[in-house]
């Protein structure tokens, strides 16, 4: 797993995401939500969702 991550980081050093997140868990939730709607909509929803359920 670490080898794959290292390879991806070397291949895409400038990679960014449009999803707003502060930790890996928030990124995971945002990624799951983005499968059903746009990243823009996910960012609107998670703006209230993450503070309401910080340890979910």
PDB file of N, CA and C in Angstrom:
ATOM      1  N   UNK A   1       0.821  -1.187   0.000  1.00  0.00           N
ATOM      2  CA  UNK A   1       0.000   0.000   0.000  1.00  0.00           C
ATOM      3  C   UNK A   1       0.870   1.258   0.000  1.00  0.00           C
ATOM      4  N   UNK A   2       1.883   1.275   0.838  1.00  0.00           N
ATOM      5  CA  UNK A   2       2.770   2.439   0.898  1.00  0.00           C
ATOM      6  C   UNK A   2       3.527   2.622  -0.411  1.00  0.00           C
ATOM      7  N   UNK A   3       3.851   1.510  -1.065  1.00  0.00           N
ATOM      8  CA  UNK A   3       4.543   1.593  -2.351  1.00  0.00           C
ATOM      9  C   UNK A   3       3.647   2.239  -3.405  1.00  0.00           C
ATOM     10  N   UNK A   4       2.383   1.865  -3.415  1.00  0.00           N
ATOM     11  CA  UNK A   4       1.423   2.452  -4.358  1.00  0.00           C
ATOM     12  C   UNK A   4       1.259   3.939  -4.071  1.00  0.00           C
ATOM     13  N   UNK A   5       1.101   4.296  -2.812  1.00  0.00           N
ATOM     14  CA  UNK A   5       0.954   5.703  -2.435  1.00  0.00           C
ATOM     15  C   UNK A   5       2.182   6.505  -2.842  1.00  0.00           C
ATOM     16  N   UNK A   6       3.353   5.958  -2.604  1.00  0.00           N
ATOM     17  CA  UNK A   6       4.594   6.631  -2.981  1.00  0.00           C
ATOM     18  C   UNK A   6       4.678   6.823  -4.491  1.00  0.00           C
ATOM     19  N   UNK A   7       4.302   5.818  -5.241  1.00  0.00           N
ATOM     20  CA  UNK A   7       4.309   5.905  -6.698  1.00  0.00           C
ATOM     21  C   UNK A   7       3.342   6.981  -7.187  1.00  0.00           C
ATOM     22  N   UNK A   8       2.142   6.999  -6.639  1.00  0.00           N
ATOM     23  CA  UNK A   8       1.158   8.010  -7.032  1.00  0.00           C
ATOM     24  C   UNK A   8       1.634   9.417  -6.689  1.00  0.00           C
ATOM     25  N   UNK A   9       2.246   9.574  -5.524  1.00  0.00           N
ATOM     26  CA  UNK A   9       2.752  10.894  -5.128  1.00  0.00           C
ATOM     27  C   UNK A   9       3.875  11.359  -6.050  1.00  0.00           C
ATOM     28  N   UNK A  10       4.698  10.435  -6.514  1.00  0.00           N
ATOM     29  CA  UNK A  10       5.776  10.825  -7.426  1.00  0.00           C
ATOM     30  C   UNK A  10       5.244  11.123  -8.824  1.00  0.00           C
ATOM     31  N   UNK A  11       4.182  10.436  -9.227  1.00  0.00           N
ATOM     32  CA  UNK A  11       3.608  10.655 -10.555  1.00  0.00           C
ATOM     33  C   UNK A  11       2.751  11.915 -10.614  1.00  0.00           C
ATOM     34  N   UNK A  12       2.122  12.263  -9.496  1.00  0.00           N
ATOM     35  CA  UNK A  12       1.205  13.404  -9.449  1.00  0.00           C
ATOM     36  C   UNK A  12       1.526  14.311  -8.255  1.00  0.00           C
ATOM     37  N   UNK A  13       2.691  14.947  -8.257  1.00  0.00           N
ATOM     38  CA  UNK A  13       3.092  15.740  -7.087  1.00  0.00           C
ATOM     39  C   UNK A  13       2.233  16.978  -6.853  1.00  0.00           C
ATOM     40  N   UNK A  14       1.571  17.465  -7.862  1.00  0.00           N
ATOM     41  CA  UNK A  14       0.761  18.681  -7.751  1.00  0.00           C
ATOM     42  C   UNK A  14      -0.733  18.368  -7.591  1.00  0.00           C
ATOM     43  N   UNK A  15      -1.081  17.120  -7.354  1.00  0.00           N
ATOM     44  CA  UNK A  15      -2.488  16.713  -7.289  1.00  0.00           C
ATOM     45  C   UNK A  15      -3.227  17.417  -6.153  1.00  0.00           C
ATOM     46  N   UNK A  16      -4.415  17.888  -6.454  1.00  0.00           N
ATOM     47  CA  UNK A  16      -5.290  18.521  -5.464  1.00  0.00           C
ATOM     48  C   UNK A  16      -6.710  18.015  -5.684  1.00  0.00           C
ATOM     49  N   UNK A  17      -7.561  18.254  -4.726  1.00  0.00           N
ATOM     50  CA  UNK A  17      -8.965  17.890  -4.852  1.00  0.00           C
ATOM     51  C   UNK A  17      -9.828  19.126  -4.655  1.00  0.00           C
ATOM     52  N   UNK A  18     -10.983  19.120  -5.296  1.00  0.00           N
ATOM     53  CA  UNK A  18     -11.921  20.236  -5.140  1.00  0.00           C
ATOM     54  C   UNK A  18     -12.753  20.091  -3.870  1.00  0.00           C
ATOM     55  N   UNK A  19     -12.657  18.931  -3.235  1.00  0.00           N
ATOM     56  CA  UNK A  19     -13.449  18.676  -2.031  1.00  0.00           C
ATOM     57  C   UNK A  19     -12.788  19.314  -0.815  1.00  0.00           C
ATOM     58  N   UNK A  20     -13.563  20.043  -0.046  1.00  0.00           N
ATOM     59  CA  UNK A  20     -13.062  20.664   1.186  1.00  0.00           C
ATOM     60  C   UNK A  20     -13.042  19.627   2.303  1.00  0.00           C
ATOM     61  N   UNK A  21     -11.907  19.514   2.988  1.00  0.00           N
ATOM     62  CA  UNK A  21     -11.777  18.565   4.096  1.00  0.00           C
ATOM     63  C   UNK A  21     -10.630  19.000   4.997  1.00  0.00           C
ATOM     64  N   UNK A  22     -10.669  18.554   6.250  1.00  0.00           N
ATOM     65  CA  UNK A  22      -9.614  18.879   7.211  1.00  0.00           C
ATOM     66  C   UNK A  22      -8.852  17.652   7.682  1.00  0.00           C
ATOM     67  N   UNK A  23      -9.354  16.459   7.358  1.00  0.00           N
ATOM     68  CA  UNK A  23      -8.679  15.238   7.770  1.00  0.00           C
ATOM     69  C   UNK A  23      -9.078  14.100   6.825  1.00  0.00           C
ATOM     70  N   UNK A  24      -8.407  12.957   6.909  1.00  0.00           N
ATOM     71  CA  UNK A  24      -8.707  11.848   6.000  1.00  0.00           C
ATOM     72  C   UNK A  24     -10.150  11.343   6.094  1.00  0.00           C
ATOM     73  N   UNK A  25     -10.725  11.338   7.302  1.00  0.00           N
ATOM     74  CA  UNK A  25     -12.105  10.875   7.443  1.00  0.00           C
ATOM     75  C   UNK A  25     -13.068  11.779   6.684  1.00  0.00           C
ATOM     76  N   UNK A  26     -12.888  13.085   6.806  1.00  0.00           N
ATOM     77  CA  UNK A  26     -13.756  14.024   6.085  1.00  0.00           C
ATOM     78  C   UNK A  26     -13.588  13.857   4.579  1.00  0.00           C
ATOM     79  N   UNK A  27     -12.369  13.604   4.126  1.00  0.00           N
ATOM     80  CA  UNK A  27     -12.154  13.378   2.694  1.00  0.00           C
ATOM     81  C   UNK A  27     -12.871  12.116   2.242  1.00  0.00           C
ATOM     82  N   UNK A  28     -12.828  11.073   3.047  1.00  0.00           N
ATOM     83  CA  UNK A  28     -13.530   9.833   2.713  1.00  0.00           C
ATOM     84  C   UNK A  28     -15.027  10.073   2.577  1.00  0.00           C
ATOM     85  N   UNK A  29     -15.623  10.748   3.552  1.00  0.00           N
ATOM     86  CA  UNK A  29     -17.062  11.036   3.513  1.00  0.00           C
ATOM     87  C   UNK A  29     -17.393  11.896   2.302  1.00  0.00           C
ATOM     88  N   UNK A  30     -16.606  12.925   2.055  1.00  0.00           N
ATOM     89  CA  UNK A  30     -16.852  13.810   0.913  1.00  0.00           C
ATOM     90  C   UNK A  30     -16.733  13.050  -0.402  1.00  0.00           C
ATOM     91  N   UNK A  31     -15.777  12.144  -0.489  1.00  0.00           N
ATOM     92  CA  UNK A  31     -15.604  11.345  -1.704  1.00  0.00           C
ATOM     93  C   UNK A  31     -16.806  10.444  -1.938  1.00  0.00           C
ATOM     94  N   UNK A  32     -17.309   9.826  -0.891  1.00  0.00           N
ATOM     95  CA  UNK A  32     -18.498   8.972  -1.019  1.00  0.00           C
ATOM     96  C   UNK A  32     -19.689   9.800  -1.477  1.00  0.00           C
ATOM     97  N   UNK A  33     -19.877  10.961  -0.878  1.00  0.00           N
ATOM     98  CA  UNK A  33     -20.990  11.828  -1.277  1.00  0.00           C
ATOM     99  C   UNK A  33     -20.837  12.311  -2.719  1.00  0.00           C
ATOM    100  N   UNK A  34     -19.615  12.532  -3.160  1.00  0.00           N
ATOM    101  CA  UNK A  34     -19.397  13.068  -4.508  1.00  0.00           C
ATOM    102  C   UNK A  34     -19.741  12.061  -5.599  1.00  0.00           C
ATOM    103  N   UNK A  35     -19.927  10.804  -5.232  1.00  0.00           N
ATOM    104  CA  UNK A  35     -20.345   9.811  -6.219  1.00  0.00           C
ATOM    105  C   UNK A  35     -21.779  10.057  -6.669  1.00  0.00           C
ATOM    106  N   UNK A  36     -22.549  10.801  -5.874  1.00  0.00           N
ATOM    107  CA  UNK A  36     -23.959  11.020  -6.178  1.00  0.00           C
ATOM    108  C   UNK A  36     -24.294  12.447  -6.582  1.00  0.00           C
ATOM    109  N   UNK A  37     -23.367  13.374  -6.418  1.00  0.00           N
ATOM    110  CA  UNK A  37     -23.623  14.766  -6.810  1.00  0.00           C
ATOM    111  C   UNK A  37     -22.297  15.470  -7.088  1.00  0.00           C
ATOM    112  N   UNK A  38     -22.360  16.720  -7.416  1.00  0.00           N
ATOM    113  CA  UNK A  38     -21.151  17.456  -7.782  1.00  0.00           C
ATOM    114  C   UNK A  38     -20.299  17.787  -6.558  1.00  0.00           C
ATOM    115  N   UNK A  39     -19.022  18.012  -6.797  1.00  0.00           N
ATOM    116  CA  UNK A  39     -18.124  18.425  -5.714  1.00  0.00           C
ATOM    117  C   UNK A  39     -18.591  19.739  -5.100  1.00  0.00           C
ATOM    118  N   UNK A  40     -19.108  20.623  -5.934  1.00  0.00           N
ATOM    119  CA  UNK A  40     -19.617  21.907  -5.433  1.00  0.00           C
ATOM    120  C   UNK A  40     -20.743  21.686  -4.419  1.00  0.00           C
ATOM    121  N   UNK A  41     -21.671  20.799  -4.735  1.00  0.00           N
ATOM    122  CA  UNK A  41     -22.789  20.502  -3.829  1.00  0.00           C
ATOM    123  C   UNK A  41     -22.277  19.819  -2.566  1.00  0.00           C
ATOM    124  N   UNK A  42     -21.327  18.909  -2.699  1.00  0.00           N
ATOM    125  CA  UNK A  42     -20.756  18.231  -1.533  1.00  0.00           C
ATOM    126  C   UNK A  42     -20.136  19.249  -0.583  1.00  0.00           C
ATOM    127  N   UNK A  43     -19.407  20.219  -1.116  1.00  0.00           N
ATOM    128  CA  UNK A  43     -18.787  21.242  -0.269  1.00  0.00           C
ATOM    129  C   UNK A  43     -19.830  22.071   0.466  1.00  0.00           C
ATOM    130  N   UNK A  44     -20.958  22.324  -0.166  1.00  0.00           N
ATOM    131  CA  UNK A  44     -22.043  23.061   0.493  1.00  0.00           C
ATOM    132  C   UNK A  44     -22.616  22.228   1.643  1.00  0.00           C
ATOM    133  N   UNK A  45     -22.860  20.964   1.381  1.00  0.00           N
ATOM    134  CA  UNK A  45     -23.470  20.074   2.380  1.00  0.00           C
ATOM    135  C   UNK A  45     -22.521  19.816   3.555  1.00  0.00           C
ATOM    136  N   UNK A  46     -21.265  19.522   3.249  1.00  0.00           N
ATOM    137  CA  UNK A  46     -20.328  19.166   4.318  1.00  0.00           C
ATOM    138  C   UNK A  46     -19.944  20.359   5.186  1.00  0.00           C
ATOM    139  N   UNK A  47     -20.193  21.556   4.700  1.00  0.00           N
ATOM    140  CA  UNK A  47     -19.939  22.761   5.493  1.00  0.00           C
ATOM    141  C   UNK A  47     -20.733  22.716   6.802  1.00  0.00           C
ATOM    142  N   UNK A  48     -21.941  22.184   6.766  1.00  0.00           N
ATOM    143  CA  UNK A  48     -22.767  22.040   7.970  1.00  0.00           C
ATOM    144  C   UNK A  48     -22.675  20.634   8.565  1.00  0.00           C
ATOM    145  N   UNK A  49     -22.461  19.644   7.721  1.00  0.00           N
ATOM    146  CA  UNK A  49     -22.441  18.252   8.164  1.00  0.00           C
ATOM    147  C   UNK A  49     -21.270  17.957   9.105  1.00  0.00           C
ATOM    148  N   UNK A  50     -20.065  18.341   8.718  1.00  0.00           N
ATOM    149  CA  UNK A  50     -18.890  18.009   9.525  1.00  0.00           C
ATOM    150  C   UNK A  50     -18.917  18.630  10.917  1.00  0.00           C
ATOM    151  N   UNK A  51     -19.278  19.896  11.070  1.00  0.00           N
ATOM    152  CA  UNK A  51     -19.359  20.450  12.434  1.00  0.00           C
ATOM    153  C   UNK A  51     -20.476  19.804  13.274  1.00  0.00           C
ATOM    154  N   UNK A  52     -21.554  19.406  12.627  1.00  0.00           N
ATOM    155  CA  UNK A  52     -22.677  18.810  13.357  1.00  0.00           C
ATOM    156  C   UNK A  52     -22.352  17.403  13.862  1.00  0.00           C
ATOM    157  N   UNK A  53     -21.491  16.684  13.137  1.00  0.00           N
ATOM    158  CA  UNK A  53     -21.142  15.307  13.498  1.00  0.00           C
ATOM    159  C   UNK A  53     -19.623  15.122  13.448  1.00  0.00           C
ATOM    160  N   UNK A  54     -18.890  15.773  14.327  1.00  0.00           N
ATOM    161  CA  UNK A  54     -17.425  15.758  14.247  1.00  0.00           C
ATOM    162  C   UNK A  54     -16.778  14.406  14.530  1.00  0.00           C
ATOM    163  N   UNK A  55     -17.464  13.525  15.236  1.00  0.00           N
ATOM    164  CA  UNK A  55     -16.864  12.231  15.575  1.00  0.00           C
ATOM    165  C   UNK A  55     -17.653  11.060  15.023  1.00  0.00           C
ATOM    166  N   UNK A  56     -18.489  11.310  14.047  1.00  0.00           N
ATOM    167  CA  UNK A  56     -19.352  10.245  13.506  1.00  0.00           C
ATOM    168  C   UNK A  56     -18.563   9.121  12.903  1.00  0.00           C
TER     169      UNK A  56
END
